[in-house]
Structure formats: structure tokens, C-alpha cells
Amino acid sequence: MTKSEISASLAQTTGLTKEQVSQTLDALTELAYKNAKNSFTIPGLGKLVLVDRQARVGRNPATGEQINIPAKRVVKFRIAKAAKDAILGQHNSEAPLSE
């Protein structure tokens, strides 16, 4: 969905104007950017976190040559369990295997 589609859908659901919803989304985005260093949680959706990646040896897929990949910090989004269950459906491990 585009930002305008999200704004229109939320405006219809909440009774706010599209402009108010758009401003709210912008404020939420700005807040997430400012606080991501300490982790930023959107309840029911997930969490932005900073992760340190260790240096490693990789391989150039075109030449097969080994290359050194330096350590770096990356931003990851960890999906909340509630979101996984809602999107994928709850996995029932007790269900019999199909034969």
C-alpha cells in the first residue's frame, strides 16, 4: 500500500482527515528514526533495533574471489509474535501430517 492509501484507509476507520493521519504517520516515522538507537517498538507490529554485525569473509559471486567484509551496525525490524500469528495464522504443531 502507498502512503496515501494507508492515510485514506486510516482516515475512514478513525474519522480523522487524511491530512491528520498523514501528519500522524510522519510524526511516528520521525519518532522512530530518533529513538531507533535505543530500540523503538510499535505495539502489535514490531520493533526497530540496531544490531552489530561481526567482520566476516565473503565471496564475490562473479569471480569466486574471497573478500573481507568489515564489521558494521545495521538496522533491523523484528516482527512481533502477534503480527506473525495474524499474518501467517497460528501454527498448530499438533496437527497430523498429511499422508
PDB file of N, CA and C in Angstrom:
ATOM      1  N   MET A   1       0.843  -1.185   0.000  1.00  0.00           N
ATOM      2  CA  MET A   1       0.000   0.000   0.000  1.00  0.00           C
ATOM      3  C   MET A   1       0.883   1.241   0.000  1.00  0.00           C
ATOM      4  N   THR A   2       0.410   2.270  -0.677  1.00  0.00           N
ATOM      5  CA  THR A   2       1.128   3.535  -0.671  1.00  0.00           C
ATOM      6  C   THR A   2       0.739   4.335   0.570  1.00  0.00           C
ATOM      7  N   LYS A   3       1.497   5.390   0.834  1.00  0.00           N
ATOM      8  CA  LYS A   3       1.209   6.225   1.999  1.00  0.00           C
ATOM      9  C   LYS A   3      -0.189   6.845   1.873  1.00  0.00           C
ATOM     10  N   SER A   4      -0.568   7.271   0.683  1.00  0.00           N
ATOM     11  CA  SER A   4      -1.890   7.881   0.518  1.00  0.00           C
ATOM     12  C   SER A   4      -3.006   6.856   0.701  1.00  0.00           C
ATOM     13  N   GLU A   5      -2.782   5.607   0.290  1.00  0.00           N
ATOM     14  CA  GLU A   5      -3.778   4.552   0.502  1.00  0.00           C
ATOM     15  C   GLU A   5      -3.913   4.237   1.988  1.00  0.00           C
ATOM     16  N   ILE A   6      -2.775   4.196   2.691  1.00  0.00           N
ATOM     17  CA  ILE A   6      -2.800   3.955   4.137  1.00  0.00           C
ATOM     18  C   ILE A   6      -3.529   5.096   4.837  1.00  0.00           C
ATOM     19  N   SER A   7      -3.207   6.337   4.439  1.00  0.00           N
ATOM     20  CA  SER A   7      -3.848   7.509   5.046  1.00  0.00           C
ATOM     21  C   SER A   7      -5.356   7.486   4.816  1.00  0.00           C
ATOM     22  N   ALA A   8      -5.767   7.153   3.609  1.00  0.00           N
ATOM     23  CA  ALA A   8      -7.194   7.109   3.289  1.00  0.00           C
ATOM     24  C   ALA A   8      -7.910   6.030   4.102  1.00  0.00           C
ATOM     25  N   SER A   9      -7.291   4.867   4.208  1.00  0.00           N
ATOM     26  CA  SER A   9      -7.896   3.768   4.964  1.00  0.00           C
ATOM     27  C   SER A   9      -8.007   4.105   6.447  1.00  0.00           C
ATOM     28  N   LEU A  10      -6.927   4.652   7.018  1.00  0.00           N
ATOM     29  CA  LEU A  10      -6.958   5.024   8.438  1.00  0.00           C
ATOM     30  C   LEU A  10      -7.921   6.176   8.690  1.00  0.00           C
ATOM     31  N   ALA A  11      -8.007   7.116   7.757  1.00  0.00           N
ATOM     32  CA  ALA A  11      -8.940   8.238   7.906  1.00  0.00           C
ATOM     33  C   ALA A  11     -10.377   7.731   7.947  1.00  0.00           C
ATOM     34  N   GLN A  12     -10.671   6.776   7.096  1.00  0.00           N
ATOM     35  CA  GLN A  12     -12.025   6.206   7.061  1.00  0.00           C
ATOM     36  C   GLN A  12     -12.317   5.441   8.352  1.00  0.00           C
ATOM     37  N   THR A  13     -11.338   4.722   8.856  1.00  0.00           N
ATOM     38  CA  THR A  13     -11.511   3.916  10.061  1.00  0.00           C
ATOM     39  C   THR A  13     -11.629   4.769  11.322  1.00  0.00           C
ATOM     40  N   THR A  14     -10.791   5.815  11.412  1.00  0.00           N
ATOM     41  CA  THR A  14     -10.713   6.596  12.650  1.00  0.00           C
ATOM     42  C   THR A  14     -11.602   7.835  12.671  1.00  0.00           C
ATOM     43  N   GLY A  15     -12.031   8.291  11.511  1.00  0.00           N
ATOM     44  CA  GLY A  15     -12.824   9.508  11.456  1.00  0.00           C
ATOM     45  C   GLY A  15     -11.978  10.777  11.385  1.00  0.00           C
ATOM     46  N   LEU A  16     -10.661  10.624  11.331  1.00  0.00           N
ATOM     47  CA  LEU A  16      -9.773  11.770  11.164  1.00  0.00           C
ATOM     48  C   LEU A  16      -9.683  12.116   9.680  1.00  0.00           C
ATOM     49  N   THR A  17      -9.124  13.289   9.387  1.00  0.00           N
ATOM     50  CA  THR A  17      -8.925  13.643   7.988  1.00  0.00           C
ATOM     51  C   THR A  17      -7.676  12.950   7.468  1.00  0.00           C
ATOM     52  N   LYS A  18      -7.566  12.848   6.135  1.00  0.00           N
ATOM     53  CA  LYS A  18      -6.375  12.244   5.536  1.00  0.00           C
ATOM     54  C   LYS A  18      -5.132  13.024   5.924  1.00  0.00           C
ATOM     55  N   GLU A  19      -5.250  14.345   5.993  1.00  0.00           N
ATOM     56  CA  GLU A  19      -4.105  15.189   6.351  1.00  0.00           C
ATOM     57  C   GLU A  19      -3.667  14.928   7.793  1.00  0.00           C
ATOM     58  N   GLN A  20      -4.624  14.783   8.708  1.00  0.00           N
ATOM     59  CA  GLN A  20      -4.286  14.485  10.103  1.00  0.00           C
ATOM     60  C   GLN A  20      -3.588  13.131  10.225  1.00  0.00           C
ATOM     61  N   VAL A  21      -4.091  12.155   9.496  1.00  0.00           N
ATOM     62  CA  VAL A  21      -3.489  10.821   9.524  1.00  0.00           C
ATOM     63  C   VAL A  21      -2.088  10.878   8.931  1.00  0.00           C
ATOM     64  N   SER A  22      -1.920  11.602   7.841  1.00  0.00           N
ATOM     65  CA  SER A  22      -0.616  11.742   7.205  1.00  0.00           C
ATOM     66  C   SER A  22       0.388  12.396   8.145  1.00  0.00           C
ATOM     67  N   GLN A  23      -0.043  13.441   8.856  1.00  0.00           N
ATOM     68  CA  GLN A  23       0.824  14.111   9.824  1.00  0.00           C
ATOM     69  C   GLN A  23       1.181  13.170  10.971  1.00  0.00           C
ATOM     70  N   THR A  24       0.231  12.348  11.393  1.00  0.00           N
ATOM     71  CA  THR A  24       0.489  11.375  12.455  1.00  0.00           C
ATOM     72  C   THR A  24       1.513  10.345  11.999  1.00  0.00           C
ATOM     73  N   LEU A  25       1.374   9.854  10.779  1.00  0.00           N
ATOM     74  CA  LEU A  25       2.339   8.890  10.248  1.00  0.00           C
ATOM     75  C   LEU A  25       3.733   9.509  10.149  1.00  0.00           C
ATOM     76  N   ASP A  26       3.804  10.767   9.705  1.00  0.00           N
ATOM     77  CA  ASP A  26       5.092  11.472   9.626  1.00  0.00           C
ATOM     78  C   ASP A  26       5.713  11.614  11.007  1.00  0.00           C
ATOM     79  N   ALA A  27       4.905  11.965  12.009  1.00  0.00           N
ATOM     80  CA  ALA A  27       5.401  12.120  13.377  1.00  0.00           C
ATOM     81  C   ALA A  27       5.884  10.784  13.928  1.00  0.00           C
ATOM     82  N   LEU A  28       5.158   9.707  13.646  1.00  0.00           N
ATOM     83  CA  LEU A  28       5.553   8.375  14.089  1.00  0.00           C
ATOM     84  C   LEU A  28       6.878   7.971  13.445  1.00  0.00           C
ATOM     85  N   THR A  29       7.022   8.253  12.158  1.00  0.00           N
ATOM     86  CA  THR A  29       8.257   7.938  11.447  1.00  0.00           C
ATOM     87  C   THR A  29       9.434   8.700  12.027  1.00  0.00           C
ATOM     88  N   GLU A  30       9.251   9.985  12.270  1.00  0.00           N
ATOM     89  CA  GLU A  30      10.312  10.814  12.842  1.00  0.00           C
ATOM     90  C   GLU A  30      10.702  10.320  14.238  1.00  0.00           C
ATOM     91  N   LEU A  31       9.708   9.967  15.034  1.00  0.00           N
ATOM     92  CA  LEU A  31       9.949   9.442  16.378  1.00  0.00           C
ATOM     93  C   LEU A  31      10.734   8.133  16.312  1.00  0.00           C
ATOM     94  N   ALA A  32      10.388   7.276  15.359  1.00  0.00           N
ATOM     95  CA  ALA A  32      11.094   6.007  15.189  1.00  0.00           C
ATOM     96  C   ALA A  32      12.550   6.245  14.812  1.00  0.00           C
ATOM     97  N   TYR A  33      12.810   7.192  13.905  1.00  0.00           N
ATOM     98  CA  TYR A  33      14.181   7.489  13.486  1.00  0.00           C
ATOM     99  C   TYR A  33      15.017   7.995  14.654  1.00  0.00           C
ATOM    100  N   LYS A  34      14.431   8.861  15.472  1.00  0.00           N
ATOM    101  CA  LYS A  34      15.163   9.446  16.592  1.00  0.00           C
ATOM    102  C   LYS A  34      15.468   8.428  17.687  1.00  0.00           C
ATOM    103  N   ASN A  35      14.571   7.466  17.887  1.00  0.00           N
ATOM    104  CA  ASN A  35      14.701   6.542  19.011  1.00  0.00           C
ATOM    105  C   ASN A  35      15.157   5.142  18.635  1.00  0.00           C
ATOM    106  N   ALA A  36      15.457   4.900  17.381  1.00  0.00           N
ATOM    107  CA  ALA A  36      15.847   3.556  16.938  1.00  0.00           C
ATOM    108  C   ALA A  36      17.141   3.090  17.592  1.00  0.00           C
ATOM    109  N   LYS A  37      18.013   4.021  17.985  1.00  0.00           N
ATOM    110  CA  LYS A  37      19.276   3.630  18.622  1.00  0.00           C
ATOM    111  C   LYS A  37      19.033   2.890  19.935  1.00  0.00           C
ATOM    112  N   ASN A  38      17.947   3.206  20.614  1.00  0.00           N
ATOM    113  CA  ASN A  38      17.600   2.549  21.881  1.00  0.00           C
ATOM    114  C   ASN A  38      16.545   1.473  21.690  1.00  0.00           C
ATOM    115  N   SER A  39      16.189   1.184  20.482  1.00  0.00           N
ATOM    116  CA  SER A  39      15.111   0.312  20.033  1.00  0.00           C
ATOM    117  C   SER A  39      13.779   1.066  20.114  1.00  0.00           C
ATOM    118  N   PHE A  40      12.957   0.867  19.130  1.00  0.00           N
ATOM    119  CA  PHE A  40      11.677   1.560  19.025  1.00  0.00           C
ATOM    120  C   PHE A  40      10.613   0.517  18.724  1.00  0.00           C
ATOM    121  N   THR A  41       9.630   0.402  19.609  1.00  0.00           N
ATOM    122  CA  THR A  41       8.586  -0.609  19.470  1.00  0.00           C
ATOM    123  C   THR A  41       7.278   0.016  19.025  1.00  0.00           C
ATOM    124  N   ILE A  42       6.673  -0.599  18.031  1.00  0.00           N
ATOM    125  CA  ILE A  42       5.306  -0.265  17.636  1.00  0.00           C
ATOM    126  C   ILE A  42       4.468  -1.435  18.132  1.00  0.00           C
ATOM    127  N   PRO A  43       3.699  -1.231  19.214  1.00  0.00           N
ATOM    128  CA  PRO A  43       2.967  -2.342  19.833  1.00  0.00           C
ATOM    129  C   PRO A  43       2.105  -3.108  18.824  1.00  0.00           C
ATOM    130  N   GLY A  44       2.227  -4.423  18.852  1.00  0.00           N
ATOM    131  CA  GLY A  44       1.437  -5.276  17.977  1.00  0.00           C
ATOM    132  C   GLY A  44       2.009  -5.438  16.586  1.00  0.00           C
ATOM    133  N   LEU A  45       3.047  -4.659  16.236  1.00  0.00           N
ATOM    134  CA  LEU A  45       3.628  -4.737  14.897  1.00  0.00           C
ATOM    135  C   LEU A  45       5.062  -5.234  14.945  1.00  0.00           C
ATOM    136  N   GLY A  46       5.914  -4.562  15.728  1.00  0.00           N
ATOM    137  CA  GLY A  46       7.303  -4.998  15.808  1.00  0.00           C
ATOM    138  C   GLY A  46       8.197  -3.950  16.419  1.00  0.00           C
ATOM    139  N   LYS A  47       9.500  -4.176  16.262  1.00  0.00           N
ATOM    140  CA  LYS A  47      10.488  -3.330  16.927  1.00  0.00           C
ATOM    141  C   LYS A  47      11.658  -3.049  15.993  1.00  0.00           C
ATOM    142  N   LEU A  48      12.089  -1.765  15.942  1.00  0.00           N
ATOM    143  CA  LEU A  48      13.316  -1.390  15.251  1.00  0.00           C
ATOM    144  C   LEU A  48      14.466  -1.534  16.233  1.00  0.00           C
ATOM    145  N   VAL A  49      15.525  -2.224  15.831  1.00  0.00           N
ATOM    146  CA  VAL A  49      16.686  -2.406  16.701  1.00  0.00           C
ATOM    147  C   VAL A  49      17.968  -2.230  15.901  1.00  0.00           C
ATOM    148  N   LEU A  50      19.015  -1.774  16.581  1.00  0.00           N
ATOM    149  CA  LEU A  50      20.348  -1.715  15.992  1.00  0.00           C
ATOM    150  C   LEU A  50      21.080  -2.995  16.343  1.00  0.00           C
ATOM    151  N   VAL A  51      21.746  -3.586  15.359  1.00  0.00           N
ATOM    152  CA  VAL A  51      22.465  -4.837  15.559  1.00  0.00           C
ATOM    153  C   VAL A  51      23.892  -4.655  15.060  1.00  0.00           C
ATOM    154  N   ASP A  52      24.867  -5.133  15.841  1.00  0.00           N
ATOM    155  CA  ASP A  52      26.262  -5.111  15.422  1.00  0.00           C
ATOM    156  C   ASP A  52      26.571  -6.398  14.675  1.00  0.00           C
ATOM    157  N   ARG A  53      27.046  -6.265  13.438  1.00  0.00           N
ATOM    158  CA  ARG A  53      27.461  -7.431  12.660  1.00  0.00           C
ATOM    159  C   ARG A  53      28.967  -7.562  12.765  1.00  0.00           C
ATOM    160  N   GLN A  54      29.441  -8.775  12.936  1.00  0.00           N
ATOM    161  CA  GLN A  54      30.873  -9.018  13.023  1.00  0.00           C
ATOM    162  C   GLN A  54      31.492  -9.017  11.630  1.00  0.00           C
ATOM    163  N   ALA A  55      32.792  -8.758  11.583  1.00  0.00           N
ATOM    164  CA  ALA A  55      33.514  -8.854  10.321  1.00  0.00           C
ATOM    165  C   ALA A  55      33.496 -10.310   9.871  1.00  0.00           C
ATOM    166  N   ARG A  56      33.473 -10.514   8.561  1.00  0.00           N
ATOM    167  CA  ARG A  56      33.436 -11.882   8.049  1.00  0.00           C
ATOM    168  C   ARG A  56      34.079 -11.950   6.678  1.00  0.00           C
ATOM    169  N   VAL A  57      34.305 -13.149   6.227  1.00  0.00           N
ATOM    170  CA  VAL A  57      34.869 -13.370   4.898  1.00  0.00           C
ATOM    171  C   VAL A  57      33.725 -13.757   3.979  1.00  0.00           C
ATOM    172  N   GLY A  58      33.605 -13.043   2.851  1.00  0.00           N
ATOM    173  CA  GLY A  58      32.573 -13.347   1.875  1.00  0.00           C
ATOM    174  C   GLY A  58      33.210 -13.794   0.578  1.00  0.00           C
ATOM    175  N   ARG A  59      32.388 -13.988  -0.409  1.00  0.00           N
ATOM    176  CA  ARG A  59      32.887 -14.449  -1.699  1.00  0.00           C
ATOM    177  C   ARG A  59      32.205 -13.648  -2.805  1.00  0.00           C
ATOM    178  N   ASN A  60      32.995 -13.160  -3.741  1.00  0.00           N
ATOM    179  CA  ASN A  60      32.462 -12.459  -4.897  1.00  0.00           C
ATOM    180  C   ASN A  60      31.793 -13.497  -5.793  1.00  0.00           C
ATOM    181  N   PRO A  61      30.487 -13.398  -6.021  1.00  0.00           N
ATOM    182  CA  PRO A  61      29.794 -14.441  -6.795  1.00  0.00           C
ATOM    183  C   PRO A  61      30.234 -14.500  -8.256  1.00  0.00           C
ATOM    184  N   ALA A  62      30.731 -13.393  -8.806  1.00  0.00           N
ATOM    185  CA  ALA A  62      31.138 -13.391 -10.203  1.00  0.00           C
ATOM    186  C   ALA A  62      32.490 -14.067 -10.406  1.00  0.00           C
ATOM    187  N   THR A  63      33.451 -13.809  -9.502  1.00  0.00           N
ATOM    188  CA  THR A  63      34.807 -14.328  -9.689  1.00  0.00           C
ATOM    189  C   THR A  63      35.162 -15.453  -8.736  1.00  0.00           C
ATOM    190  N   GLY A  64      34.405 -15.606  -7.658  1.00  0.00           N
ATOM    191  CA  GLY A  64      34.717 -16.614  -6.657  1.00  0.00           C
ATOM    192  C   GLY A  64      35.806 -16.165  -5.694  1.00  0.00           C
ATOM    193  N   GLU A  65      36.303 -14.937  -5.870  1.00  0.00           N
ATOM    194  CA  GLU A  65      37.372 -14.398  -5.023  1.00  0.00           C
ATOM    195  C   GLU A  65      36.853 -14.115  -3.617  1.00  0.00           C
ATOM    196  N   GLN A  66      37.663 -14.440  -2.614  1.00  0.00           N
ATOM    197  CA  GLN A  66      37.287 -14.156  -1.233  1.00  0.00           C
ATOM    198  C   GLN A  66      37.515 -12.680  -0.950  1.00  0.00           C
ATOM    199  N   ILE A  67      36.581 -12.081  -0.215  1.00  0.00           N
ATOM    200  CA  ILE A  67      36.707 -10.675   0.168  1.00  0.00           C
ATOM    201  C   ILE A  67      36.409 -10.554   1.661  1.00  0.00           C
ATOM    202  N   ASN A  68      37.035  -9.574   2.285  1.00  0.00           N
ATOM    203  CA  ASN A  68      36.786  -9.302   3.696  1.00  0.00           C
ATOM    204  C   ASN A  68      35.654  -8.293   3.818  1.00  0.00           C
ATOM    205  N   ILE A  69      34.639  -8.638   4.576  1.00  0.00           N
ATOM    206  CA  ILE A  69      33.505  -7.747   4.816  1.00  0.00           C
ATOM    207  C   ILE A  69      33.680  -7.181   6.216  1.00  0.00           C
ATOM    208  N   PRO A  70      33.809  -5.860   6.343  1.00  0.00           N
ATOM    209  CA  PRO A  70      34.076  -5.265   7.662  1.00  0.00           C
ATOM    210  C   PRO A  70      32.861  -5.334   8.590  1.00  0.00           C
ATOM    211  N   ALA A  71      33.131  -5.201   9.891  1.00  0.00           N
ATOM    212  CA  ALA A  71      32.057  -5.141  10.884  1.00  0.00           C
ATOM    213  C   ALA A  71      31.264  -3.864  10.677  1.00  0.00           C
ATOM    214  N   LYS A  72      29.975  -3.913  10.963  1.00  0.00           N
ATOM    215  CA  LYS A  72      29.148  -2.710  10.826  1.00  0.00           C
ATOM    216  C   LYS A  72      27.887  -2.839  11.669  1.00  0.00           C
ATOM    217  N   ARG A  73      27.230  -1.704  11.849  1.00  0.00           N
ATOM    218  CA  ARG A  73      25.941  -1.677  12.558  1.00  0.00           C
ATOM    219  C   ARG A  73      24.841  -1.605  11.505  1.00  0.00           C
ATOM    220  N   VAL A  74      23.797  -2.379  11.727  1.00  0.00           N
ATOM    221  CA  VAL A  74      22.667  -2.378  10.800  1.00  0.00           C
ATOM    222  C   VAL A  74      21.366  -2.212  11.577  1.00  0.00           C
ATOM    223  N   VAL A  75      20.356  -1.710  10.906  1.00  0.00           N
ATOM    224  CA  VAL A  75      19.028  -1.561  11.497  1.00  0.00           C
ATOM    225  C   VAL A  75      18.188  -2.749  11.044  1.00  0.00           C
ATOM    226  N   LYS A  76      17.520  -3.381  12.008  1.00  0.00           N
ATOM    227  CA  LYS A  76      16.632  -4.500  11.689  1.00  0.00           C
ATOM    228  C   LYS A  76      15.250  -4.219  12.267  1.00  0.00           C
ATOM    229  N   PHE A  77      14.254  -4.816  11.649  1.00  0.00           N
ATOM    230  CA  PHE A  77      12.891  -4.730  12.169  1.00  0.00           C
ATOM    231  C   PHE A  77      12.479  -6.130  12.563  1.00  0.00           C
ATOM    232  N   ARG A  78      12.211  -6.317  13.834  1.00  0.00           N
ATOM    233  CA  ARG A  78      11.777  -7.621  14.341  1.00  0.00           C
ATOM    234  C   ARG A  78      10.263  -7.628  14.468  1.00  0.00           C
ATOM    235  N   ILE A  79       9.643  -8.529  13.768  1.00  0.00           N
ATOM    236  CA  ILE A  79       8.186  -8.622  13.747  1.00  0.00           C
ATOM    237  C   ILE A  79       7.684  -9.187  15.074  1.00  0.00           C
ATOM    238  N   ALA A  80       6.625  -8.585  15.610  1.00  0.00           N
ATOM    239  CA  ALA A  80       6.019  -9.044  16.859  1.00  0.00           C
ATOM    240  C   ALA A  80       5.306 -10.382  16.624  1.00  0.00           C
ATOM    241  N   LYS A  81       5.259 -11.212  17.657  1.00  0.00           N
ATOM    242  CA  LYS A  81       4.601 -12.513  17.570  1.00  0.00           C
ATOM    243  C   LYS A  81       3.130 -12.355  17.184  1.00  0.00           C
ATOM    244  N   ALA A  82       2.468 -11.335  17.726  1.00  0.00           N
ATOM    245  CA  ALA A  82       1.060 -11.100  17.400  1.00  0.00           C
ATOM    246  C   ALA A  82       0.890 -10.828  15.900  1.00  0.00           C
ATOM    247  N   ALA A  83       1.834 -10.090  15.315  1.00  0.00           N
ATOM    248  CA  ALA A  83       1.759  -9.792  13.878  1.00  0.00           C
ATOM    249  C   ALA A  83       1.996 -11.057  13.060  1.00  0.00           C
ATOM    250  N   LYS A  84       2.964 -11.859  13.456  1.00  0.00           N
ATOM    251  CA  LYS A  84       3.228 -13.121  12.745  1.00  0.00           C
ATOM    252  C   LYS A  84       1.996 -14.006  12.768  1.00  0.00           C
ATOM    253  N   ASP A  85       1.391 -14.143  13.958  1.00  0.00           N
ATOM    254  CA  ASP A  85       0.213 -15.002  14.084  1.00  0.00           C
ATOM    255  C   ASP A  85      -0.955 -14.479  13.247  1.00  0.00           C
ATOM    256  N   ALA A  86      -1.131 -13.159  13.226  1.00  0.00           N
ATOM    257  CA  ALA A  86      -2.236 -12.569  12.473  1.00  0.00           C
ATOM    258  C   ALA A  86      -2.028 -12.724  10.963  1.00  0.00           C
ATOM    259  N   ILE A  87      -0.786 -12.611  10.509  1.00  0.00           N
ATOM    260  CA  ILE A  87      -0.499 -12.665   9.077  1.00  0.00           C
ATOM    261  C   ILE A  87      -0.409 -14.107   8.580  1.00  0.00           C
ATOM    262  N   LEU A  88       0.319 -14.933   9.308  1.00  0.00           N
ATOM    263  CA  LEU A  88       0.557 -16.301   8.860  1.00  0.00           C
ATOM    264  C   LEU A  88      -0.453 -17.301   9.392  1.00  0.00           C
ATOM    265  N   GLY A  89      -1.184 -16.912  10.425  1.00  0.00           N
ATOM    266  CA  GLY A  89      -2.069 -17.854  11.089  1.00  0.00           C
ATOM    267  C   GLY A  89      -1.254 -18.620  12.106  1.00  0.00           C
ATOM    268  N   GLN A  90      -1.880 -19.025  13.180  1.00  0.00           N
ATOM    269  CA  GLN A  90      -1.148 -19.733  14.223  1.00  0.00           C
ATOM    270  C   GLN A  90      -0.780 -21.118  13.727  1.00  0.00           C
ATOM    271  N   HIS A  91       0.476 -21.474  13.917  1.00  0.00           N
ATOM    272  CA  HIS A  91       0.968 -22.784  13.511  1.00  0.00           C
ATOM    273  C   HIS A  91       0.578 -23.804  14.564  1.00  0.00           C
ATOM    274  N   ASN A  92      -0.139 -24.806  14.161  1.00  0.00           N
ATOM    275  CA  ASN A  92      -0.571 -25.829  15.096  1.00  0.00           C
ATOM    276  C   ASN A  92       0.352 -27.030  14.952  1.00  0.00           C
ATOM    277  N   SER A  93       1.269 -27.208  15.928  1.00  0.00           N
ATOM    278  CA  SER A  93       2.244 -28.296  15.846  1.00  0.00           C
ATOM    279  C   SER A  93       1.604 -29.645  16.127  1.00  0.00           C
ATOM    280  N   GLU A  94       0.385 -29.659  16.649  1.00  0.00           N
ATOM    281  CA  GLU A  94      -0.287 -30.926  16.940  1.00  0.00           C
ATOM    282  C   GLU A  94      -1.070 -31.460  15.764  1.00  0.00           C
ATOM    283  N   ALA A  95      -1.130 -30.704  14.680  1.00  0.00           N
ATOM    284  CA  ALA A  95      -1.869 -31.157  13.513  1.00  0.00           C
ATOM    285  C   ALA A  95      -1.168 -32.360  12.887  1.00  0.00           C
ATOM    286  N   PRO A  96      -1.942 -33.373  12.469  1.00  0.00           N
ATOM    287  CA  PRO A  96      -1.319 -34.549  11.864  1.00  0.00           C
ATOM    288  C   PRO A  96      -0.727 -34.213  10.497  1.00  0.00           C
ATOM    289  N   LEU A  97       0.349 -34.892  10.154  1.00  0.00           N
ATOM    290  CA  LEU A  97       0.962 -34.706   8.844  1.00  0.00           C
ATOM    291  C   LEU A  97       0.077 -35.347   7.791  1.00  0.00           C
ATOM    292  N   SER A  98      -0.040 -34.695   6.631  1.00  0.00           N
ATOM    293  CA  SER A  98      -0.845 -35.286   5.563  1.00  0.00           C
ATOM    294  C   SER A  98      -0.077 -36.454   4.961  1.00  0.00           C
ATOM    295  N   GLU A  99      -0.790 -37.509   4.650  1.00  0.00           N
ATOM    296  CA  GLU A  99      -0.146 -38.709   4.128  1.00  0.00           C
ATOM    297  C   GLU A  99      -0.452 -38.892   2.666  1.00  0.00           C
TER     298      GLU A  99
END
